[in-house]
Amino acid sequence: MKKREYGALYDINVVNLVDVVLVLLIIFMIAAPMLQSGIEVNLPQTQATQKDLGEGIVVTIKKDNNIYIDDKITNLDRFEERLSHVYAKNKAQVVYLKADSKVQYGLVVKVVGKIKKMGIKDLGLVVEPES
């Protein structure tokens, strides 16, 4: 009896690879909008151009005057203590302030004053461009 000789199989079955890639693509398309974190606020609009936000701490003031530091609620009395803790932990250099357009100007000034009192020099005000 003669032994059969089998040659090397040079075909790559890409069907399974395409299936896996398509499933991963669908998963990332569904999950990507959920990865955007932050407190939703109605930002004021301006003509000034805005550069992209980098890494930093986000302080948000909602229209009901609730203050958030990186998605965690705080009050004005404990604001400096909590911000200094987060600032030291993250070793961030920049603080971004997002305030709803309905928030009273006095509250925004108080928050900015507390941030400057802490010695934080880089403070960015987040706005939306006018359409």
C-alpha atoms as a PDB file:
ATOM      1  CA  MET A   1       0.000   0.000   0.000  1.00  0.00           C
ATOM      2  CA  LYS A   2       1.221   3.407  -0.962  1.00  0.00           C
ATOM      3  CA  LYS A   3       1.312   6.270   1.528  1.00  0.00           C
ATOM      4  CA  ARG A   4      -0.476   9.392   0.505  1.00  0.00           C
ATOM      5  CA  GLU A   5       1.481  12.605   0.642  1.00  0.00           C
ATOM      6  CA  TYR A   6      -0.332  15.696   1.650  1.00  0.00           C
ATOM      7  CA  GLY A   7       0.968  19.068   0.624  1.00  0.00           C
ATOM      8  CA  ALA A   8       0.980  22.075   2.895  1.00  0.00           C
ATOM      9  CA  LEU A   9      -2.279  23.966   3.114  1.00  0.00           C
ATOM     10  CA  TYR A  10      -1.620  27.582   2.211  1.00  0.00           C
ATOM     11  CA  ASP A  11      -5.153  28.874   2.500  1.00  0.00           C
ATOM     12  CA  ILE A  12      -6.116  31.088   5.398  1.00  0.00           C
ATOM     13  CA  ASN A  13      -9.722  30.919   6.388  1.00  0.00           C
ATOM     14  CA  VAL A  14     -10.647  34.593   6.846  1.00  0.00           C
ATOM     15  CA  VAL A  15     -14.358  34.026   7.333  1.00  0.00           C
ATOM     16  CA  ASN A  16     -13.949  33.445  11.057  1.00  0.00           C
ATOM     17  CA  LEU A  17     -11.673  36.468  11.338  1.00  0.00           C
ATOM     18  CA  VAL A  18     -14.192  38.696   9.584  1.00  0.00           C
ATOM     19  CA  ASP A  19     -16.975  37.457  11.867  1.00  0.00           C
ATOM     20  CA  VAL A  20     -14.983  38.286  14.986  1.00  0.00           C
ATOM     21  CA  VAL A  21     -13.962  41.716  13.677  1.00  0.00           C
ATOM     22  CA  LEU A  22     -17.552  42.612  12.776  1.00  0.00           C
ATOM     23  CA  VAL A  23     -18.814  41.575  16.197  1.00  0.00           C
ATOM     24  CA  LEU A  24     -16.110  43.673  17.893  1.00  0.00           C
ATOM     25  CA  LEU A  25     -16.949  46.618  15.652  1.00  0.00           C
ATOM     26  CA  ILE A  26     -20.620  46.431  16.616  1.00  0.00           C
ATOM     27  CA  ILE A  27     -19.731  46.184  20.310  1.00  0.00           C
ATOM     28  CA  PHE A  28     -17.485  49.257  20.121  1.00  0.00           C
ATOM     29  CA  MET A  29     -20.105  51.213  18.176  1.00  0.00           C
ATOM     30  CA  ILE A  30     -22.634  50.536  20.924  1.00  0.00           C
ATOM     31  CA  ALA A  31     -20.225  51.102  23.823  1.00  0.00           C
ATOM     32  CA  ALA A  32     -18.465  54.261  22.566  1.00  0.00           C
ATOM     33  CA  PRO A  33     -21.267  56.719  23.376  1.00  0.00           C
ATOM     34  CA  MET A  34     -21.511  55.250  26.869  1.00  0.00           C
ATOM     35  CA  LEU A  35     -17.825  55.993  27.513  1.00  0.00           C
ATOM     36  CA  GLN A  36     -18.392  59.741  27.386  1.00  0.00           C
ATOM     37  CA  SER A  37     -18.738  60.647  30.987  1.00  0.00           C
ATOM     38  CA  GLY A  38     -19.659  63.886  32.591  1.00  0.00           C
ATOM     39  CA  ILE A  39     -22.565  65.865  33.849  1.00  0.00           C
ATOM     40  CA  GLU A  40     -24.865  67.202  31.151  1.00  0.00           C
ATOM     41  CA  VAL A  41     -25.240  70.967  31.208  1.00  0.00           C
ATOM     42  CA  ASN A  42     -26.515  73.571  28.759  1.00  0.00           C
ATOM     43  CA  LEU A  43     -23.260  75.428  28.113  1.00  0.00           C
ATOM     44  CA  PRO A  44     -23.247  79.089  27.092  1.00  0.00           C
ATOM     45  CA  GLN A  45     -22.370  79.801  23.465  1.00  0.00           C
ATOM     46  CA  THR A  46     -19.659  82.133  22.227  1.00  0.00           C
ATOM     47  CA  GLN A  47     -17.818  82.982  19.023  1.00  0.00           C
ATOM     48  CA  ALA A  48     -14.445  82.346  20.641  1.00  0.00           C
ATOM     49  CA  THR A  49     -12.738  79.264  19.316  1.00  0.00           C
ATOM     50  CA  GLN A  50     -12.141  76.461  21.741  1.00  0.00           C
ATOM     51  CA  LYS A  51      -9.206  74.133  21.688  1.00  0.00           C
ATOM     52  CA  ASP A  52      -9.716  70.484  22.511  1.00  0.00           C
ATOM     53  CA  LEU A  53      -9.905  69.647  26.169  1.00  0.00           C
ATOM     54  CA  GLY A  54      -6.964  67.669  27.427  1.00  0.00           C
ATOM     55  CA  GLU A  55      -6.535  65.769  30.627  1.00  0.00           C
ATOM     56  CA  GLY A  56      -7.682  67.579  33.712  1.00  0.00           C
ATOM     57  CA  ILE A  57     -10.261  67.891  36.442  1.00  0.00           C
ATOM     58  CA  VAL A  58     -13.758  68.938  35.402  1.00  0.00           C
ATOM     59  CA  VAL A  59     -15.778  71.095  37.788  1.00  0.00           C
ATOM     60  CA  THR A  60     -19.434  71.283  36.737  1.00  0.00           C
ATOM     61  CA  ILE A  61     -22.150  73.610  38.013  1.00  0.00           C
ATOM     62  CA  LYS A  62     -25.672  72.537  37.048  1.00  0.00           C
ATOM     63  CA  LYS A  63     -28.633  74.884  36.760  1.00  0.00           C
ATOM     64  CA  ASP A  64     -29.945  73.690  40.148  1.00  0.00           C
ATOM     65  CA  ASN A  65     -26.652  75.054  41.650  1.00  0.00           C
ATOM     66  CA  ASN A  66     -25.260  71.581  42.390  1.00  0.00           C
ATOM     67  CA  ILE A  67     -21.475  71.495  42.072  1.00  0.00           C
ATOM     68  CA  TYR A  68     -19.676  68.383  40.805  1.00  0.00           C
ATOM     69  CA  ILE A  69     -15.989  67.558  40.811  1.00  0.00           C
ATOM     70  CA  ASP A  70     -15.363  64.827  38.243  1.00  0.00           C
ATOM     71  CA  ASP A  71     -18.947  63.501  38.472  1.00  0.00           C
ATOM     72  CA  LYS A  72     -19.037  63.545  42.295  1.00  0.00           C
ATOM     73  CA  ILE A  73     -21.367  66.031  43.933  1.00  0.00           C
ATOM     74  CA  THR A  74     -20.072  68.457  46.531  1.00  0.00           C
ATOM     75  CA  ASN A  75     -21.203  71.669  48.171  1.00  0.00           C
ATOM     76  CA  LEU A  76     -19.577  75.095  48.204  1.00  0.00           C
ATOM     77  CA  ASP A  77     -18.457  74.763  51.834  1.00  0.00           C
ATOM     78  CA  ARG A  78     -16.409  71.594  51.209  1.00  0.00           C
ATOM     79  CA  PHE A  79     -15.428  72.496  47.635  1.00  0.00           C
ATOM     80  CA  GLU A  80     -11.810  73.476  48.344  1.00  0.00           C
ATOM     81  CA  GLU A  81     -11.150  70.414  50.500  1.00  0.00           C
ATOM     82  CA  ARG A  82     -12.498  67.989  47.917  1.00  0.00           C
ATOM     83  CA  LEU A  83     -10.888  69.730  44.953  1.00  0.00           C
ATOM     84  CA  SER A  84      -7.493  69.772  46.651  1.00  0.00           C
ATOM     85  CA  HIS A  85      -7.839  66.046  47.366  1.00  0.00           C
ATOM     86  CA  VAL A  86      -8.747  65.246  43.739  1.00  0.00           C
ATOM     87  CA  TYR A  87      -6.096  67.657  42.431  1.00  0.00           C
ATOM     88  CA  ALA A  88      -3.360  66.013  44.501  1.00  0.00           C
ATOM     89  CA  LYS A  89      -4.537  62.482  43.661  1.00  0.00           C
ATOM     90  CA  ASN A  90      -4.736  63.050  39.890  1.00  0.00           C
ATOM     91  CA  LYS A  91      -1.668  65.290  39.724  1.00  0.00           C
ATOM     92  CA  ALA A  92      -3.595  67.276  37.140  1.00  0.00           C
ATOM     93  CA  GLN A  93      -2.385  70.655  36.025  1.00  0.00           C
ATOM     94  CA  VAL A  94      -5.604  71.983  34.486  1.00  0.00           C
ATOM     95  CA  VAL A  95      -9.087  72.475  35.912  1.00  0.00           C
ATOM     96  CA  TYR A  96     -11.985  72.913  33.474  1.00  0.00           C
ATOM     97  CA  LEU A  97     -15.127  74.727  34.624  1.00  0.00           C
ATOM     98  CA  LYS A  98     -18.431  73.826  32.975  1.00  0.00           C
ATOM     99  CA  ALA A  99     -21.330  75.970  34.128  1.00  0.00           C
ATOM    100  CA  ASP A 100     -24.884  75.822  32.841  1.00  0.00           C
ATOM    101  CA  SER A 101     -25.982  78.997  31.078  1.00  0.00           C
ATOM    102  CA  LYS A 102     -28.790  79.393  33.666  1.00  0.00           C
ATOM    103  CA  VAL A 103     -26.414  79.441  36.670  1.00  0.00           C
ATOM    104  CA  GLN A 104     -26.142  82.753  38.481  1.00  0.00           C
ATOM    105  CA  TYR A 105     -22.961  84.663  37.741  1.00  0.00           C
ATOM    106  CA  GLY A 106     -22.248  85.095  41.458  1.00  0.00           C
ATOM    107  CA  LEU A 107     -21.938  81.355  42.044  1.00  0.00           C
ATOM    108  CA  VAL A 108     -19.559  80.956  39.110  1.00  0.00           C
ATOM    109  CA  VAL A 109     -17.399  83.786  40.459  1.00  0.00           C
ATOM    110  CA  LYS A 110     -17.347  82.187  43.930  1.00  0.00           C
ATOM    111  CA  VAL A 111     -16.198  78.861  42.464  1.00  0.00           C
ATOM    112  CA  VAL A 112     -13.530  80.570  40.316  1.00  0.00           C
ATOM    113  CA  GLY A 113     -12.358  82.495  43.376  1.00  0.00           C
ATOM    114  CA  LYS A 114     -12.006  79.315  45.424  1.00  0.00           C
ATOM    115  CA  ILE A 115     -10.061  77.629  42.599  1.00  0.00           C
ATOM    116  CA  LYS A 116      -7.693  80.599  42.292  1.00  0.00           C
ATOM    117  CA  LYS A 117      -7.329  80.817  46.094  1.00  0.00           C
ATOM    118  CA  MET A 118      -6.055  77.227  46.062  1.00  0.00           C
ATOM    119  CA  GLY A 119      -3.201  78.318  43.778  1.00  0.00           C
ATOM    120  CA  ILE A 120      -4.430  76.575  40.647  1.00  0.00           C
ATOM    121  CA  LYS A 121      -3.239  78.730  37.770  1.00  0.00           C
ATOM    122  CA  ASP A 122      -4.642  76.816  34.777  1.00  0.00           C
ATOM    123  CA  LEU A 123      -8.407  77.241  34.707  1.00  0.00           C
ATOM    124  CA  GLY A 124     -10.336  76.703  31.504  1.00  0.00           C
ATOM    125  CA  LEU A 125     -13.919  77.768  30.936  1.00  0.00           C
ATOM    126  CA  VAL A 126     -15.795  75.290  28.749  1.00  0.00           C
ATOM    127  CA  VAL A 127     -18.250  76.793  26.231  1.00  0.00           C
ATOM    128  CA  GLU A 128     -20.014  75.748  23.052  1.00  0.00           C
ATOM    129  CA  PRO A 129     -19.266  77.496  19.751  1.00  0.00           C
ATOM    130  CA  GLU A 130     -22.086  79.532  18.258  1.00  0.00           C
ATOM    131  CA  SER A 131     -23.752  77.936  15.291  1.00  0.00           C
END
